[in-house]
Amino acid sequence: MSVPAGPDRVPDPPPGEDGAERPMHPSLQPQGESVAWSALGTLLAGPITWGGLGWLLDRWLGTSPTLTAIGVVVGSLTAFGIVYVRFGRDG
Protein backbone atom coordinates (compact mmCIF):
# COMPACT_ATOMS: atom_id res chain seq x y z
CA MET A 1 0.00 0.00 0.00
CA SER A 2 1.47 3.33 -1.05
CA VAL A 3 1.22 6.45 1.07
CA PRO A 4 0.32 9.59 -0.90
CA ALA A 5 3.23 11.94 -1.49
CA GLY A 6 3.21 15.05 0.61
CA PRO A 7 5.57 17.99 1.03
CA ASP A 8 7.82 16.04 3.42
CA ARG A 9 7.74 12.64 1.67
CA VAL A 10 9.55 11.34 -1.39
CA PRO A 11 7.16 9.10 -3.36
CA ASP A 12 7.92 5.39 -3.55
CA PRO A 13 9.32 4.10 -6.84
CA PRO A 14 6.77 2.46 -9.13
CA PRO A 15 6.24 -1.29 -8.60
CA GLY A 16 8.60 -3.52 -10.53
CA GLU A 17 11.61 -1.23 -10.21
CA ASP A 18 13.22 -2.94 -7.26
CA GLY A 19 16.64 -1.58 -6.51
CA ALA A 20 15.91 1.69 -8.28
CA GLU A 21 17.70 4.63 -6.73
CA ARG A 22 15.28 6.95 -4.97
CA PRO A 23 16.03 10.66 -5.14
CA MET A 24 17.08 12.35 -1.94
CA HIS A 25 14.62 14.78 -0.38
CA PRO A 26 15.72 18.33 -1.33
CA SER A 27 16.17 19.31 2.32
CA LEU A 28 18.64 16.42 2.78
CA GLN A 29 20.79 17.22 -0.25
CA PRO A 30 23.91 19.16 0.70
CA GLN A 31 24.19 22.54 -0.94
CA GLY A 32 26.91 25.13 -1.32
CA GLU A 33 29.65 25.10 1.26
CA SER A 34 28.34 21.98 3.00
CA VAL A 35 29.19 19.96 -0.14
CA ALA A 36 32.82 21.03 0.14
CA TRP A 37 32.99 20.21 3.86
CA SER A 38 31.32 16.83 3.34
CA ALA A 39 33.72 15.96 0.52
CA LEU A 40 36.73 17.12 2.55
CA GLY A 41 35.62 15.11 5.57
CA THR A 42 35.21 12.00 3.44
CA LEU A 43 38.58 12.48 1.74
CA LEU A 44 40.29 12.81 5.13
CA ALA A 45 38.38 10.08 6.94
CA GLY A 46 39.15 7.33 4.42
CA PRO A 47 42.96 7.37 4.59
CA ILE A 48 42.99 8.16 8.31
CA THR A 49 40.65 5.29 9.16
CA TRP A 50 42.16 2.66 6.87
CA GLY A 51 45.71 3.89 7.49
CA GLY A 52 45.08 3.71 11.23
CA LEU A 53 43.75 0.19 10.91
CA GLY A 54 46.85 -0.74 8.88
CA TRP A 55 49.08 0.86 11.50
CA LEU A 56 47.42 -1.15 14.27
CA LEU A 57 47.83 -4.37 12.27
CA ASP A 58 51.47 -3.46 11.54
CA ARG A 59 52.17 -3.04 15.25
CA TRP A 60 50.39 -6.29 16.07
CA LEU A 61 52.02 -8.33 13.29
CA GLY A 62 55.39 -6.54 13.27
CA THR A 63 55.27 -5.81 9.55
CA SER A 64 56.53 -2.20 9.82
CA PRO A 65 54.92 0.30 7.42
CA THR A 66 53.57 -2.19 4.87
CA LEU A 67 49.97 -2.45 6.02
CA THR A 68 49.86 1.24 6.92
CA ALA A 69 50.75 2.17 3.35
CA ILE A 70 48.23 -0.30 1.94
CA GLY A 71 45.57 1.08 4.30
CA VAL A 72 46.23 4.67 3.24
CA VAL A 73 46.03 3.75 -0.45
CA VAL A 74 42.85 1.69 0.00
CA GLY A 75 41.29 4.43 2.13
CA SER A 76 42.17 7.12 -0.40
CA LEU A 77 40.76 5.18 -3.33
CA THR A 78 37.60 4.36 -1.41
CA ALA A 79 37.18 7.98 -0.31
CA PHE A 80 37.58 9.26 -3.88
CA GLY A 81 35.00 6.73 -5.04
CA ILE A 82 32.53 7.78 -2.36
CA VAL A 83 33.00 11.48 -3.17
CA TYR A 84 32.50 10.77 -6.87
CA VAL A 85 29.32 8.77 -6.27
CA ARG A 86 27.85 11.26 -3.80
CA PHE A 87 28.84 14.58 -5.35
CA GLY A 88 30.62 14.14 -8.68
CA ARG A 89 27.98 12.65 -10.94
CA ASP A 90 25.56 14.86 -12.79
CA GLY A 91 22.17 14.13 -11.44
C-alpha atoms as a PDB file:
ATOM      1  CA  MET A   1       0.000   0.000   0.000  1.00  0.00           C
ATOM      2  CA  SER A   2       1.473   3.326  -1.048  1.00  0.00           C
ATOM      3  CA  VAL A   3       1.220   6.455   1.072  1.00  0.00           C
ATOM      4  CA  PRO A   4       0.323   9.592  -0.896  1.00  0.00           C
ATOM      5  CA  ALA A   5       3.227  11.936  -1.494  1.00  0.00           C
ATOM      6  CA  GLY A   6       3.213  15.055   0.611  1.00  0.00           C
ATOM      7  CA  PRO A   7       5.565  17.990   1.033  1.00  0.00           C
ATOM      8  CA  ASP A   8       7.816  16.040   3.419  1.00  0.00           C
ATOM      9  CA  ARG A   9       7.744  12.645   1.672  1.00  0.00           C
ATOM     10  CA  VAL A  10       9.546  11.338  -1.387  1.00  0.00           C
ATOM     11  CA  PRO A  11       7.159   9.102  -3.357  1.00  0.00           C
ATOM     12  CA  ASP A  12       7.917   5.395  -3.546  1.00  0.00           C
ATOM     13  CA  PRO A  13       9.317   4.098  -6.842  1.00  0.00           C
ATOM     14  CA  PRO A  14       6.769   2.462  -9.132  1.00  0.00           C
ATOM     15  CA  PRO A  15       6.235  -1.287  -8.605  1.00  0.00           C
ATOM     16  CA  GLY A  16       8.600  -3.517 -10.530  1.00  0.00           C
ATOM     17  CA  GLU A  17      11.606  -1.225 -10.212  1.00  0.00           C
ATOM     18  CA  ASP A  18      13.219  -2.938  -7.258  1.00  0.00           C
ATOM     19  CA  GLY A  19      16.636  -1.580  -6.511  1.00  0.00           C
ATOM     20  CA  ALA A  20      15.912   1.689  -8.280  1.00  0.00           C
ATOM     21  CA  GLU A  21      17.700   4.629  -6.731  1.00  0.00           C
ATOM     22  CA  ARG A  22      15.279   6.953  -4.972  1.00  0.00           C
ATOM     23  CA  PRO A  23      16.026  10.660  -5.135  1.00  0.00           C
ATOM     24  CA  MET A  24      17.082  12.346  -1.937  1.00  0.00           C
ATOM     25  CA  HIS A  25      14.618  14.779  -0.382  1.00  0.00           C
ATOM     26  CA  PRO A  26      15.715  18.328  -1.326  1.00  0.00           C
ATOM     27  CA  SER A  27      16.173  19.314   2.319  1.00  0.00           C
ATOM     28  CA  LEU A  28      18.644  16.424   2.781  1.00  0.00           C
ATOM     29  CA  GLN A  29      20.785  17.217  -0.249  1.00  0.00           C
ATOM     30  CA  PRO A  30      23.906  19.158   0.703  1.00  0.00           C
ATOM     31  CA  GLN A  31      24.189  22.541  -0.944  1.00  0.00           C
ATOM     32  CA  GLY A  32      26.912  25.132  -1.317  1.00  0.00           C
ATOM     33  CA  GLU A  33      29.651  25.100   1.261  1.00  0.00           C
ATOM     34  CA  SER A  34      28.340  21.980   2.998  1.00  0.00           C
ATOM     35  CA  VAL A  35      29.187  19.962  -0.137  1.00  0.00           C
ATOM     36  CA  ALA A  36      32.818  21.026   0.138  1.00  0.00           C
ATOM     37  CA  TRP A  37      32.989  20.211   3.858  1.00  0.00           C
ATOM     38  CA  SER A  38      31.318  16.833   3.336  1.00  0.00           C
ATOM     39  CA  ALA A  39      33.720  15.957   0.521  1.00  0.00           C
ATOM     40  CA  LEU A  40      36.727  17.118   2.554  1.00  0.00           C
ATOM     41  CA  GLY A  41      35.618  15.106   5.569  1.00  0.00           C
ATOM     42  CA  THR A  42      35.209  11.998   3.435  1.00  0.00           C
ATOM     43  CA  LEU A  43      38.584  12.476   1.744  1.00  0.00           C
ATOM     44  CA  LEU A  44      40.288  12.807   5.127  1.00  0.00           C
ATOM     45  CA  ALA A  45      38.377  10.079   6.941  1.00  0.00           C
ATOM     46  CA  GLY A  46      39.152   7.326   4.417  1.00  0.00           C
ATOM     47  CA  PRO A  47      42.957   7.367   4.586  1.00  0.00           C
ATOM     48  CA  ILE A  48      42.989   8.164   8.307  1.00  0.00           C
ATOM     49  CA  THR A  49      40.646   5.294   9.161  1.00  0.00           C
ATOM     50  CA  TRP A  50      42.158   2.664   6.870  1.00  0.00           C
ATOM     51  CA  GLY A  51      45.711   3.893   7.485  1.00  0.00           C
ATOM     52  CA  GLY A  52      45.083   3.711  11.230  1.00  0.00           C
ATOM     53  CA  LEU A  53      43.753   0.193  10.909  1.00  0.00           C
ATOM     54  CA  GLY A  54      46.847  -0.737   8.876  1.00  0.00           C
ATOM     55  CA  TRP A  55      49.081   0.859  11.501  1.00  0.00           C
ATOM     56  CA  LEU A  56      47.424  -1.146  14.274  1.00  0.00           C
ATOM     57  CA  LEU A  57      47.825  -4.365  12.275  1.00  0.00           C
ATOM     58  CA  ASP A  58      51.469  -3.459  11.544  1.00  0.00           C
ATOM     59  CA  ARG A  59      52.168  -3.044  15.253  1.00  0.00           C
ATOM     60  CA  TRP A  60      50.394  -6.287  16.065  1.00  0.00           C
ATOM     61  CA  LEU A  61      52.024  -8.330  13.289  1.00  0.00           C
ATOM     62  CA  GLY A  62      55.394  -6.539  13.271  1.00  0.00           C
ATOM     63  CA  THR A  63      55.272  -5.812   9.550  1.00  0.00           C
ATOM     64  CA  SER A  64      56.533  -2.200   9.825  1.00  0.00           C
ATOM     65  CA  PRO A  65      54.918   0.301   7.418  1.00  0.00           C
ATOM     66  CA  THR A  66      53.574  -2.186   4.866  1.00  0.00           C
ATOM     67  CA  LEU A  67      49.966  -2.453   6.022  1.00  0.00           C
ATOM     68  CA  THR A  68      49.855   1.242   6.925  1.00  0.00           C
ATOM     69  CA  ALA A  69      50.749   2.165   3.348  1.00  0.00           C
ATOM     70  CA  ILE A  70      48.232  -0.304   1.944  1.00  0.00           C
ATOM     71  CA  GLY A  71      45.572   1.079   4.295  1.00  0.00           C
ATOM     72  CA  VAL A  72      46.235   4.674   3.243  1.00  0.00           C
ATOM     73  CA  VAL A  73      46.031   3.747  -0.454  1.00  0.00           C
ATOM     74  CA  VAL A  74      42.849   1.693  -0.003  1.00  0.00           C
ATOM     75  CA  GLY A  75      41.294   4.433   2.135  1.00  0.00           C
ATOM     76  CA  SER A  76      42.170   7.121  -0.402  1.00  0.00           C
ATOM     77  CA  LEU A  77      40.755   5.175  -3.331  1.00  0.00           C
ATOM     78  CA  THR A  78      37.600   4.363  -1.407  1.00  0.00           C
ATOM     79  CA  ALA A  79      37.178   7.985  -0.308  1.00  0.00           C
ATOM     80  CA  PHE A  80      37.577   9.264  -3.878  1.00  0.00           C
ATOM     81  CA  GLY A  81      35.001   6.726  -5.038  1.00  0.00           C
ATOM     82  CA  ILE A  82      32.533   7.776  -2.361  1.00  0.00           C
ATOM     83  CA  VAL A  83      33.000  11.476  -3.168  1.00  0.00           C
ATOM     84  CA  TYR A  84      32.498  10.766  -6.868  1.00  0.00           C
ATOM     85  CA  VAL A  85      29.321   8.771  -6.274  1.00  0.00           C
ATOM     86  CA  ARG A  86      27.848  11.264  -3.801  1.00  0.00           C
ATOM     87  CA  PHE A  87      28.842  14.582  -5.349  1.00  0.00           C
ATOM     88  CA  GLY A  88      30.620  14.140  -8.677  1.00  0.00           C
ATOM     89  CA  ARG A  89      27.981  12.650 -10.936  1.00  0.00           C
ATOM     90  CA  ASP A  90      25.558  14.860 -12.792  1.00  0.00           C
ATOM     91  CA  GLY A  91      22.166  14.130 -11.443  1.00  0.00           C
END
